[in-house]
Amino acid sequence: VDIDWEEIPVDKIHLFADFLAKLAPQIHKMKKTLSVVLEAWNVTNEWRKIGEVVDKVELMAYPEHHPGTGPGPIASPSWISRNLEMALKVVPREKLIFCMPLFGYSWISFPRQYVQEMIWQQLVDIKASRSGTITGKRDVEGNPSFIGSGGEAWYEDAYSINQKMLMAQKYRITQFGFWQIGGEDPGVWKSLN
């Protein structure tokens, strides 16, 4: 059983921990596994209680930048590293599943402002249709983006995911998850071998 309740306010996470403490024995009586998704930005000491009662904690290591922020990396290694360090202080390493994004966001500025979640093929199509008007780049941490006259997009590709995997291995993380499979850079799977 996987519980994925997102955007729980920090001042309410204790109620979620209490709920899981009551739910876990019922799930375990049925000889089932209980896992929970927790958002990286929301690490609190209540995670310790959660980590004690559930079988797996899926650390949603994204989004660092999203529709509510300005443009930037979906999940930079330095941001992930800080969140992993905090999570490992309160969740046993053997229970932690490091979940990475396989999507991107495009911050559109013209003709009106909005943010759109994008999968790999959409990004490829945009780059191809605007050839010569888009500048692709990587920031100092290897996060890919492209900028054009109508906005900018930040996304994940095989290289950036590989860098995150290598970084997680330094923390001796051995379990990984991804969101959302099916829309990723096809090179991701080759880079993981």
N, C-alpha and C. Protein backbone atom coordinates (compact mmCIF):
# COMPACT_ATOMS: atom_id res chain seq x y z
N VAL A 1 0.85 -1.16 0.00
CA VAL A 1 0.00 0.00 0.00
C VAL A 1 0.90 1.23 0.00
N ASP A 2 0.68 2.12 -0.96
CA ASP A 2 1.49 3.31 -1.09
C ASP A 2 0.63 4.54 -0.84
N ILE A 3 0.99 5.32 0.15
CA ILE A 3 0.26 6.53 0.49
C ILE A 3 1.02 7.73 -0.10
N ASP A 4 0.36 8.45 -0.99
CA ASP A 4 0.97 9.59 -1.67
C ASP A 4 0.08 10.82 -1.48
N TRP A 5 0.15 11.41 -0.30
CA TRP A 5 -0.58 12.65 -0.01
C TRP A 5 0.44 13.76 -0.04
N GLU A 6 0.28 14.67 -0.94
CA GLU A 6 1.27 15.72 -1.13
C GLU A 6 0.79 17.07 -0.59
N GLU A 7 1.75 17.96 -0.44
CA GLU A 7 1.50 19.33 0.02
C GLU A 7 0.88 19.38 1.42
N ILE A 8 1.32 18.48 2.29
CA ILE A 8 0.87 18.52 3.68
C ILE A 8 1.61 19.66 4.37
N PRO A 9 0.89 20.61 4.96
CA PRO A 9 1.57 21.72 5.64
C PRO A 9 2.48 21.19 6.76
N VAL A 10 3.61 21.85 6.94
CA VAL A 10 4.58 21.43 7.95
C VAL A 10 3.92 21.33 9.33
N ASP A 11 3.01 22.24 9.64
CA ASP A 11 2.37 22.22 10.96
C ASP A 11 1.30 21.13 11.09
N LYS A 12 1.06 20.37 10.01
CA LYS A 12 0.08 19.27 10.04
C LYS A 12 0.73 17.90 9.85
N ILE A 13 2.03 17.86 9.61
CA ILE A 13 2.69 16.58 9.33
C ILE A 13 2.58 15.63 10.52
N HIS A 14 2.48 16.16 11.74
CA HIS A 14 2.31 15.30 12.92
C HIS A 14 1.00 14.53 12.85
N LEU A 15 -0.04 15.11 12.27
CA LEU A 15 -1.32 14.40 12.12
C LEU A 15 -1.18 13.26 11.11
N PHE A 16 -0.41 13.51 10.06
CA PHE A 16 -0.14 12.48 9.06
C PHE A 16 0.66 11.34 9.70
N ALA A 17 1.65 11.69 10.52
CA ALA A 17 2.44 10.67 11.22
C ALA A 17 1.56 9.84 12.14
N ASP A 18 0.63 10.47 12.85
CA ASP A 18 -0.30 9.75 13.73
C ASP A 18 -1.19 8.80 12.93
N PHE A 19 -1.68 9.29 11.78
CA PHE A 19 -2.50 8.46 10.90
C PHE A 19 -1.73 7.21 10.45
N LEU A 20 -0.47 7.40 10.03
CA LEU A 20 0.34 6.26 9.57
C LEU A 20 0.63 5.29 10.71
N ALA A 21 0.82 5.82 11.92
CA ALA A 21 1.07 4.95 13.08
C ALA A 21 -0.14 4.06 13.37
N LYS A 22 -1.33 4.56 13.09
CA LYS A 22 -2.54 3.75 13.28
C LYS A 22 -2.78 2.81 12.11
N LEU A 23 -2.43 3.25 10.92
CA LEU A 23 -2.64 2.44 9.72
C LEU A 23 -1.66 1.28 9.60
N ALA A 24 -0.39 1.51 9.94
CA ALA A 24 0.66 0.51 9.73
C ALA A 24 0.34 -0.86 10.33
N PRO A 25 -0.09 -0.95 11.60
CA PRO A 25 -0.38 -2.29 12.15
C PRO A 25 -1.46 -3.03 11.36
N GLN A 26 -2.45 -2.27 10.86
CA GLN A 26 -3.52 -2.91 10.08
C GLN A 26 -2.98 -3.46 8.76
N ILE A 27 -2.13 -2.70 8.12
CA ILE A 27 -1.52 -3.13 6.85
C ILE A 27 -0.62 -4.35 7.09
N HIS A 28 0.17 -4.28 8.15
CA HIS A 28 1.10 -5.37 8.45
C HIS A 28 0.37 -6.65 8.86
N LYS A 29 -0.80 -6.53 9.49
CA LYS A 29 -1.61 -7.71 9.82
C LYS A 29 -2.01 -8.47 8.56
N MET A 30 -2.20 -7.73 7.48
CA MET A 30 -2.58 -8.33 6.20
C MET A 30 -1.35 -8.82 5.42
N LYS A 31 -0.18 -8.73 6.07
CA LYS A 31 1.08 -9.13 5.45
C LYS A 31 1.37 -8.32 4.18
N LYS A 32 1.04 -7.05 4.25
CA LYS A 32 1.30 -6.11 3.16
C LYS A 32 2.38 -5.12 3.59
N THR A 33 2.95 -4.48 2.61
CA THR A 33 3.98 -3.47 2.84
C THR A 33 3.35 -2.08 2.78
N LEU A 34 3.79 -1.21 3.67
CA LEU A 34 3.30 0.17 3.68
C LEU A 34 4.43 1.10 3.30
N SER A 35 4.20 1.86 2.22
CA SER A 35 5.18 2.87 1.81
C SER A 35 4.47 4.22 1.78
N VAL A 36 5.28 5.26 1.91
CA VAL A 36 4.73 6.61 1.93
C VAL A 36 5.64 7.52 1.11
N VAL A 37 5.01 8.44 0.38
CA VAL A 37 5.74 9.45 -0.37
C VAL A 37 5.85 10.69 0.50
N LEU A 38 7.07 11.21 0.66
CA LEU A 38 7.28 12.44 1.40
C LEU A 38 8.06 13.41 0.53
N GLU A 39 7.64 14.66 0.56
CA GLU A 39 8.25 15.68 -0.29
C GLU A 39 9.52 16.23 0.35
N ALA A 40 10.55 16.37 -0.45
CA ALA A 40 11.87 16.78 0.05
C ALA A 40 11.84 18.11 0.79
N TRP A 41 11.00 19.03 0.37
CA TRP A 41 10.97 20.35 0.99
C TRP A 41 10.35 20.32 2.39
N ASN A 42 9.77 19.20 2.76
CA ASN A 42 8.96 19.10 3.97
C ASN A 42 9.59 18.23 5.05
N VAL A 43 10.91 18.10 5.09
CA VAL A 43 11.58 17.24 6.08
C VAL A 43 11.42 17.86 7.46
N THR A 44 10.87 17.07 8.38
CA THR A 44 10.72 17.51 9.77
C THR A 44 11.10 16.34 10.68
N ASN A 45 11.17 16.59 11.97
CA ASN A 45 11.45 15.51 12.91
C ASN A 45 10.32 14.49 12.96
N GLU A 46 9.12 14.87 12.51
CA GLU A 46 8.00 13.92 12.45
C GLU A 46 8.31 12.77 11.50
N TRP A 47 9.23 13.01 10.57
CA TRP A 47 9.61 11.93 9.65
C TRP A 47 10.20 10.75 10.43
N ARG A 48 10.81 11.01 11.57
CA ARG A 48 11.39 9.94 12.38
C ARG A 48 10.29 8.94 12.77
N LYS A 49 9.17 9.47 13.25
CA LYS A 49 8.02 8.62 13.63
C LYS A 49 7.49 7.88 12.41
N ILE A 50 7.40 8.58 11.29
CA ILE A 50 6.93 7.95 10.06
C ILE A 50 7.87 6.83 9.65
N GLY A 51 9.17 7.10 9.68
CA GLY A 51 10.18 6.10 9.31
C GLY A 51 10.16 4.87 10.20
N GLU A 52 9.72 5.03 11.44
CA GLU A 52 9.63 3.89 12.36
C GLU A 52 8.47 2.97 12.05
N VAL A 53 7.36 3.51 11.51
CA VAL A 53 6.16 2.69 11.34
C VAL A 53 5.95 2.17 9.92
N VAL A 54 6.51 2.86 8.91
CA VAL A 54 6.31 2.39 7.54
C VAL A 54 7.49 1.52 7.10
N ASP A 55 7.27 0.79 6.01
CA ASP A 55 8.33 -0.09 5.49
C ASP A 55 9.27 0.65 4.54
N LYS A 56 8.74 1.62 3.81
CA LYS A 56 9.54 2.38 2.84
C LYS A 56 9.10 3.84 2.85
N VAL A 57 10.08 4.72 2.70
CA VAL A 57 9.82 6.15 2.55
C VAL A 57 10.36 6.56 1.19
N GLU A 58 9.46 7.01 0.33
CA GLU A 58 9.84 7.48 -1.00
C GLU A 58 10.09 8.99 -0.91
N LEU A 59 11.35 9.37 -0.98
CA LEU A 59 11.72 10.78 -0.93
C LEU A 59 11.52 11.40 -2.30
N MET A 60 10.51 12.23 -2.42
CA MET A 60 10.20 12.91 -3.68
C MET A 60 11.17 14.08 -3.81
N ALA A 61 12.31 13.82 -4.45
CA ALA A 61 13.40 14.80 -4.52
C ALA A 61 13.20 15.78 -5.68
N TYR A 62 12.06 16.40 -5.71
CA TYR A 62 11.65 17.36 -6.71
C TYR A 62 10.31 17.94 -6.29
N PRO A 63 9.83 19.02 -6.80
CA PRO A 63 10.53 19.97 -7.63
C PRO A 63 11.15 21.08 -6.80
N GLU A 64 12.34 21.41 -7.14
CA GLU A 64 13.00 22.57 -6.54
C GLU A 64 12.39 23.85 -7.12
N HIS A 65 12.19 23.86 -8.43
CA HIS A 65 11.51 24.96 -9.11
C HIS A 65 10.27 24.39 -9.77
N HIS A 66 9.19 25.15 -9.75
CA HIS A 66 7.88 24.66 -10.19
C HIS A 66 7.01 25.86 -10.55
N PRO A 67 5.74 25.63 -10.89
CA PRO A 67 4.89 26.76 -11.28
C PRO A 67 4.78 27.88 -10.24
N GLY A 68 5.03 27.58 -8.97
CA GLY A 68 4.95 28.60 -7.94
C GLY A 68 6.23 29.38 -7.72
N THR A 69 7.27 29.05 -8.46
CA THR A 69 8.56 29.74 -8.33
C THR A 69 8.95 30.31 -9.68
N GLY A 70 10.07 30.95 -9.73
CA GLY A 70 10.62 31.36 -11.01
C GLY A 70 11.32 30.17 -11.66
N PRO A 71 11.80 30.35 -12.89
CA PRO A 71 12.50 29.28 -13.59
C PRO A 71 13.77 28.83 -12.87
N GLY A 72 14.10 27.57 -13.05
CA GLY A 72 15.33 27.02 -12.48
C GLY A 72 15.30 25.50 -12.56
N PRO A 73 16.35 24.85 -12.06
CA PRO A 73 16.44 23.40 -12.13
C PRO A 73 15.24 22.70 -11.46
N ILE A 74 14.84 21.60 -12.04
CA ILE A 74 13.76 20.79 -11.46
C ILE A 74 14.24 20.20 -10.14
N ALA A 75 15.50 19.79 -10.09
CA ALA A 75 16.08 19.23 -8.87
C ALA A 75 17.60 19.24 -9.01
N SER A 76 18.23 20.30 -8.53
CA SER A 76 19.69 20.40 -8.66
C SER A 76 20.37 19.46 -7.66
N PRO A 77 21.55 18.95 -8.01
CA PRO A 77 22.27 18.07 -7.08
C PRO A 77 22.50 18.69 -5.70
N SER A 78 22.82 19.98 -5.63
CA SER A 78 23.06 20.60 -4.32
C SER A 78 21.78 20.64 -3.49
N TRP A 79 20.65 20.92 -4.11
CA TRP A 79 19.36 20.94 -3.41
C TRP A 79 19.00 19.53 -2.94
N ILE A 80 19.19 18.55 -3.83
CA ILE A 80 18.91 17.16 -3.46
C ILE A 80 19.82 16.73 -2.32
N SER A 81 21.08 17.06 -2.40
CA SER A 81 22.05 16.68 -1.38
C SER A 81 21.63 17.20 0.00
N ARG A 82 21.25 18.46 0.07
CA ARG A 82 20.80 19.04 1.35
C ARG A 82 19.58 18.28 1.89
N ASN A 83 18.64 17.96 1.01
CA ASN A 83 17.43 17.27 1.44
C ASN A 83 17.70 15.82 1.81
N LEU A 84 18.60 15.16 1.09
CA LEU A 84 18.99 13.79 1.45
C LEU A 84 19.64 13.76 2.82
N GLU A 85 20.53 14.71 3.08
CA GLU A 85 21.20 14.76 4.38
C GLU A 85 20.19 14.94 5.51
N MET A 86 19.20 15.82 5.31
CA MET A 86 18.17 16.01 6.34
C MET A 86 17.32 14.75 6.50
N ALA A 87 16.93 14.13 5.39
CA ALA A 87 16.09 12.93 5.45
C ALA A 87 16.82 11.78 6.14
N LEU A 88 18.10 11.62 5.86
CA LEU A 88 18.85 10.51 6.45
C LEU A 88 19.08 10.69 7.95
N LYS A 89 18.87 11.88 8.47
CA LYS A 89 18.95 12.09 9.92
C LYS A 89 17.74 11.53 10.64
N VAL A 90 16.63 11.35 9.92
CA VAL A 90 15.39 10.94 10.57
C VAL A 90 14.75 9.68 9.97
N VAL A 91 15.24 9.21 8.83
CA VAL A 91 14.71 8.00 8.20
C VAL A 91 15.85 7.00 8.02
N PRO A 92 15.64 5.75 8.43
CA PRO A 92 16.70 4.74 8.22
C PRO A 92 17.04 4.60 6.73
N ARG A 93 18.32 4.59 6.42
CA ARG A 93 18.81 4.50 5.04
C ARG A 93 18.17 3.33 4.28
N GLU A 94 18.03 2.20 4.95
CA GLU A 94 17.50 1.01 4.27
C GLU A 94 16.03 1.14 3.89
N LYS A 95 15.34 2.12 4.46
CA LYS A 95 13.94 2.35 4.12
C LYS A 95 13.76 3.44 3.07
N LEU A 96 14.80 4.16 2.76
CA LEU A 96 14.68 5.33 1.89
C LEU A 96 14.77 4.96 0.41
N ILE A 97 13.78 5.39 -0.35
CA ILE A 97 13.78 5.27 -1.81
C ILE A 97 13.95 6.69 -2.36
N PHE A 98 14.98 6.88 -3.14
CA PHE A 98 15.30 8.19 -3.71
C PHE A 98 14.56 8.32 -5.04
N CYS A 99 13.56 9.20 -5.11
CA CYS A 99 12.74 9.36 -6.30
C CYS A 99 13.12 10.61 -7.07
N MET A 100 13.36 10.44 -8.36
CA MET A 100 13.84 11.52 -9.21
C MET A 100 12.83 11.87 -10.30
N PRO A 101 12.87 13.12 -10.76
CA PRO A 101 11.94 13.55 -11.82
C PRO A 101 12.46 13.18 -13.21
N LEU A 102 11.53 12.89 -14.09
CA LEU A 102 11.89 12.64 -15.49
C LEU A 102 11.17 13.61 -16.42
N PHE A 103 10.77 14.75 -15.89
CA PHE A 103 10.00 15.73 -16.66
C PHE A 103 10.68 17.09 -16.59
N GLY A 104 10.04 18.06 -17.16
CA GLY A 104 10.55 19.42 -17.10
C GLY A 104 9.40 20.41 -17.00
N TYR A 105 9.77 21.67 -16.85
CA TYR A 105 8.79 22.75 -16.86
C TYR A 105 9.24 23.79 -17.86
N SER A 106 8.27 24.37 -18.52
CA SER A 106 8.53 25.48 -19.43
C SER A 106 7.82 26.70 -18.86
N TRP A 107 8.61 27.74 -18.59
CA TRP A 107 8.08 29.02 -18.12
C TRP A 107 7.90 29.90 -19.36
N ILE A 108 6.66 30.08 -19.75
CA ILE A 108 6.33 30.83 -20.96
C ILE A 108 6.09 32.29 -20.58
N SER A 109 6.69 33.21 -21.34
CA SER A 109 6.51 34.63 -21.02
C SER A 109 5.75 35.41 -22.10
N PHE A 110 5.55 34.76 -23.25
CA PHE A 110 4.88 35.47 -24.34
C PHE A 110 4.02 34.49 -25.11
N PRO A 111 2.82 34.74 -25.49
CA PRO A 111 2.10 36.00 -25.40
C PRO A 111 1.48 36.25 -24.01
N ARG A 112 1.38 35.22 -23.17
CA ARG A 112 0.94 35.43 -21.79
C ARG A 112 1.79 34.55 -20.90
N GLN A 113 1.85 34.87 -19.62
CA GLN A 113 2.71 34.11 -18.71
C GLN A 113 1.99 32.90 -18.14
N TYR A 114 2.67 31.75 -18.21
CA TYR A 114 2.18 30.53 -17.57
C TYR A 114 3.31 29.53 -17.52
N VAL A 115 3.10 28.46 -16.76
CA VAL A 115 4.09 27.40 -16.63
C VAL A 115 3.43 26.10 -17.06
N GLN A 116 4.15 25.32 -17.84
CA GLN A 116 3.63 24.06 -18.36
C GLN A 116 4.59 22.93 -18.02
N GLU A 117 4.06 21.84 -17.45
CA GLU A 117 4.88 20.63 -17.26
C GLU A 117 5.07 19.99 -18.62
N MET A 118 6.29 19.49 -18.87
CA MET A 118 6.59 18.95 -20.19
C MET A 118 7.31 17.62 -20.08
N ILE A 119 7.03 16.75 -21.03
CA ILE A 119 7.78 15.49 -21.14
C ILE A 119 8.85 15.67 -22.22
N TRP A 120 9.74 14.72 -22.29
CA TRP A 120 10.92 14.80 -23.16
C TRP A 120 10.55 15.11 -24.61
N GLN A 121 9.59 14.37 -25.19
CA GLN A 121 9.27 14.56 -26.60
C GLN A 121 8.77 15.97 -26.88
N GLN A 122 8.02 16.55 -25.95
CA GLN A 122 7.57 17.93 -26.13
C GLN A 122 8.76 18.88 -26.19
N LEU A 123 9.72 18.66 -25.33
CA LEU A 123 10.93 19.50 -25.32
C LEU A 123 11.71 19.35 -26.62
N VAL A 124 11.84 18.11 -27.09
CA VAL A 124 12.54 17.86 -28.36
C VAL A 124 11.83 18.56 -29.51
N ASP A 125 10.48 18.48 -29.52
CA ASP A 125 9.71 19.11 -30.59
C ASP A 125 9.86 20.63 -30.57
N ILE A 126 9.85 21.22 -29.38
CA ILE A 126 10.01 22.68 -29.27
C ILE A 126 11.39 23.09 -29.78
N LYS A 127 12.41 22.35 -29.34
CA LYS A 127 13.77 22.68 -29.79
C LYS A 127 13.88 22.58 -31.31
N ALA A 128 13.28 21.55 -31.91
CA ALA A 128 13.36 21.36 -33.36
C ALA A 128 12.59 22.44 -34.11
N SER A 129 11.43 22.81 -33.60
CA SER A 129 10.60 23.79 -34.31
C SER A 129 11.16 25.21 -34.21
N ARG A 130 11.99 25.43 -33.22
CA ARG A 130 12.54 26.79 -33.03
C ARG A 130 14.06 26.79 -33.22
N SER A 131 14.54 25.90 -34.04
CA SER A 131 15.97 25.81 -34.29
C SER A 131 16.54 27.17 -34.65
N GLY A 132 17.62 27.52 -33.99
CA GLY A 132 18.25 28.81 -34.25
C GLY A 132 17.74 29.93 -33.36
N THR A 133 16.58 29.73 -32.74
CA THR A 133 16.05 30.77 -31.86
C THR A 133 16.11 30.37 -30.39
N ILE A 134 16.63 29.17 -30.13
CA ILE A 134 16.71 28.65 -28.76
C ILE A 134 18.18 28.38 -28.44
N THR A 135 18.59 28.77 -27.26
CA THR A 135 19.95 28.50 -26.80
C THR A 135 19.89 27.47 -25.69
N GLY A 136 20.51 26.30 -25.92
CA GLY A 136 20.57 25.27 -24.89
C GLY A 136 21.81 25.47 -24.04
N LYS A 137 21.70 25.11 -22.76
CA LYS A 137 22.84 25.26 -21.86
C LYS A 137 22.69 24.32 -20.67
N ARG A 138 23.79 24.19 -19.92
CA ARG A 138 23.78 23.50 -18.63
C ARG A 138 24.30 24.49 -17.61
N ASP A 139 23.71 24.46 -16.42
CA ASP A 139 24.24 25.33 -15.37
C ASP A 139 25.48 24.66 -14.76
N VAL A 140 26.06 25.26 -13.74
CA VAL A 140 27.31 24.75 -13.16
C VAL A 140 27.15 23.36 -12.56
N GLU A 141 25.93 22.94 -12.23
CA GLU A 141 25.71 21.61 -11.67
C GLU A 141 25.27 20.60 -12.72
N GLY A 142 25.20 21.01 -13.98
CA GLY A 142 24.85 20.08 -15.06
C GLY A 142 23.37 19.99 -15.35
N ASN A 143 22.56 20.88 -14.79
CA ASN A 143 21.12 20.87 -15.05
C ASN A 143 20.85 21.49 -16.42
N PRO A 144 20.13 20.77 -17.31
CA PRO A 144 19.90 21.28 -18.66
C PRO A 144 18.72 22.25 -18.73
N SER A 145 18.85 23.21 -19.64
CA SER A 145 17.77 24.14 -19.89
C SER A 145 17.93 24.69 -21.30
N PHE A 146 16.90 25.36 -21.79
CA PHE A 146 17.03 26.15 -23.01
C PHE A 146 16.20 27.41 -22.86
N ILE A 147 16.69 28.45 -23.50
CA ILE A 147 16.08 29.76 -23.38
C ILE A 147 15.79 30.27 -24.79
N GLY A 148 14.59 30.80 -24.95
CA GLY A 148 14.21 31.41 -26.22
C GLY A 148 13.51 32.73 -25.95
N SER A 149 13.06 33.36 -27.01
CA SER A 149 12.44 34.68 -26.85
C SER A 149 11.11 34.61 -26.10
N GLY A 150 10.47 33.45 -26.08
CA GLY A 150 9.16 33.34 -25.42
C GLY A 150 9.21 32.73 -24.04
N GLY A 151 10.41 32.46 -23.51
CA GLY A 151 10.49 31.87 -22.18
C GLY A 151 11.69 30.94 -22.06
N GLU A 152 11.64 30.10 -21.03
CA GLU A 152 12.72 29.13 -20.83
C GLU A 152 12.18 27.84 -20.26
N ALA A 153 12.91 26.77 -20.50
CA ALA A 153 12.52 25.45 -20.01
C ALA A 153 13.70 24.82 -19.27
N TRP A 154 13.39 24.16 -18.18
CA TRP A 154 14.36 23.37 -17.42
C TRP A 154 13.81 21.95 -17.37
N TYR A 155 14.69 20.97 -17.49
CA TYR A 155 14.24 19.59 -17.62
C TYR A 155 15.33 18.64 -17.14
N GLU A 156 15.05 17.36 -17.19
CA GLU A 156 16.03 16.32 -16.87
C GLU A 156 16.34 15.53 -18.12
N ASP A 157 17.59 15.15 -18.26
CA ASP A 157 18.00 14.30 -19.36
C ASP A 157 18.89 13.18 -18.82
N ALA A 158 19.41 12.34 -19.71
CA ALA A 158 20.21 11.19 -19.28
C ALA A 158 21.41 11.64 -18.44
N TYR A 159 22.07 12.69 -18.84
CA TYR A 159 23.24 13.17 -18.11
C TYR A 159 22.87 13.64 -16.71
N SER A 160 21.83 14.46 -16.60
CA SER A 160 21.46 15.00 -15.28
C SER A 160 20.97 13.91 -14.34
N ILE A 161 20.24 12.93 -14.86
CA ILE A 161 19.78 11.81 -14.02
C ILE A 161 20.98 10.98 -13.58
N ASN A 162 21.92 10.73 -14.49
CA ASN A 162 23.11 9.98 -14.13
C ASN A 162 23.89 10.69 -13.02
N GLN A 163 24.01 12.00 -13.11
CA GLN A 163 24.71 12.76 -12.07
C GLN A 163 24.01 12.62 -10.71
N LYS A 164 22.69 12.62 -10.73
CA LYS A 164 21.93 12.46 -9.48
C LYS A 164 22.12 11.06 -8.91
N MET A 165 22.16 10.06 -9.78
CA MET A 165 22.38 8.68 -9.32
C MET A 165 23.76 8.55 -8.67
N LEU A 166 24.77 9.13 -9.30
CA LEU A 166 26.12 9.08 -8.75
C LEU A 166 26.19 9.79 -7.40
N MET A 167 25.51 10.93 -7.31
CA MET A 167 25.48 11.67 -6.05
C MET A 167 24.78 10.86 -4.96
N ALA A 168 23.67 10.21 -5.29
CA ALA A 168 22.94 9.40 -4.30
C ALA A 168 23.77 8.22 -3.83
N GLN A 169 24.56 7.66 -4.72
CA GLN A 169 25.42 6.53 -4.33
C GLN A 169 26.44 6.94 -3.29
N LYS A 170 26.86 8.19 -3.30
CA LYS A 170 27.79 8.68 -2.27
C LYS A 170 27.15 8.62 -0.89
N TYR A 171 25.81 8.69 -0.86
CA TYR A 171 25.07 8.58 0.40
C TYR A 171 24.67 7.12 0.69
N ARG A 172 25.17 6.22 -0.14
CA ARG A 172 24.88 4.79 -0.02
C ARG A 172 23.38 4.48 -0.16
N ILE A 173 22.72 5.25 -1.01
CA ILE A 173 21.32 5.00 -1.33
C ILE A 173 21.28 3.89 -2.39
N THR A 174 20.47 2.88 -2.16
CA THR A 174 20.44 1.74 -3.08
C THR A 174 19.07 1.52 -3.73
N GLN A 175 18.08 2.32 -3.36
CA GLN A 175 16.74 2.17 -3.92
C GLN A 175 16.32 3.47 -4.60
N PHE A 176 15.78 3.32 -5.81
CA PHE A 176 15.47 4.48 -6.62
C PHE A 176 14.08 4.38 -7.22
N GLY A 177 13.48 5.52 -7.44
CA GLY A 177 12.19 5.61 -8.11
C GLY A 177 12.22 6.80 -9.06
N PHE A 178 11.25 6.82 -9.98
CA PHE A 178 11.21 7.88 -10.98
C PHE A 178 9.77 8.32 -11.21
N TRP A 179 9.60 9.60 -11.53
CA TRP A 179 8.30 10.13 -11.92
C TRP A 179 8.51 10.99 -13.15
N GLN A 180 7.96 10.83 -14.15
CA GLN A 180 6.93 9.94 -14.61
C GLN A 180 7.48 9.13 -15.76
N ILE A 181 7.45 7.84 -15.59
CA ILE A 181 8.01 6.93 -16.59
C ILE A 181 7.13 6.96 -17.84
N GLY A 182 7.78 7.03 -18.99
CA GLY A 182 7.08 7.07 -20.26
C GLY A 182 7.29 8.37 -21.01
N GLY A 183 7.71 9.40 -20.30
CA GLY A 183 7.93 10.68 -20.95
C GLY A 183 9.36 11.14 -20.87
N GLU A 184 10.28 10.24 -20.53
CA GLU A 184 11.68 10.60 -20.26
C GLU A 184 12.56 10.57 -21.50
N ASP A 185 13.72 11.17 -21.36
CA ASP A 185 14.80 11.06 -22.34
C ASP A 185 15.12 9.57 -22.48
N PRO A 186 15.02 8.99 -23.67
CA PRO A 186 15.29 7.56 -23.84
C PRO A 186 16.69 7.16 -23.38
N GLY A 187 17.62 8.10 -23.36
CA GLY A 187 18.97 7.79 -22.93
C GLY A 187 19.10 7.55 -21.43
N VAL A 188 18.06 7.87 -20.67
CA VAL A 188 18.12 7.66 -19.21
C VAL A 188 18.44 6.21 -18.88
N TRP A 189 17.74 5.28 -19.53
CA TRP A 189 17.90 3.87 -19.16
C TRP A 189 19.28 3.35 -19.54
N LYS A 190 19.84 3.82 -20.65
CA LYS A 190 21.19 3.41 -21.03
C LYS A 190 22.20 3.94 -20.02
N SER A 191 21.97 5.16 -19.55
CA SER A 191 22.93 5.77 -18.60
C SER A 191 22.90 5.07 -17.24
N LEU A 192 21.80 4.39 -16.92
CA LEU A 192 21.71 3.71 -15.63
C LEU A 192 22.41 2.36 -15.64
N ASN A 193 22.66 1.83 -16.83
CA ASN A 193 23.39 0.55 -16.90
C ASN A 193 24.83 0.83 -16.60
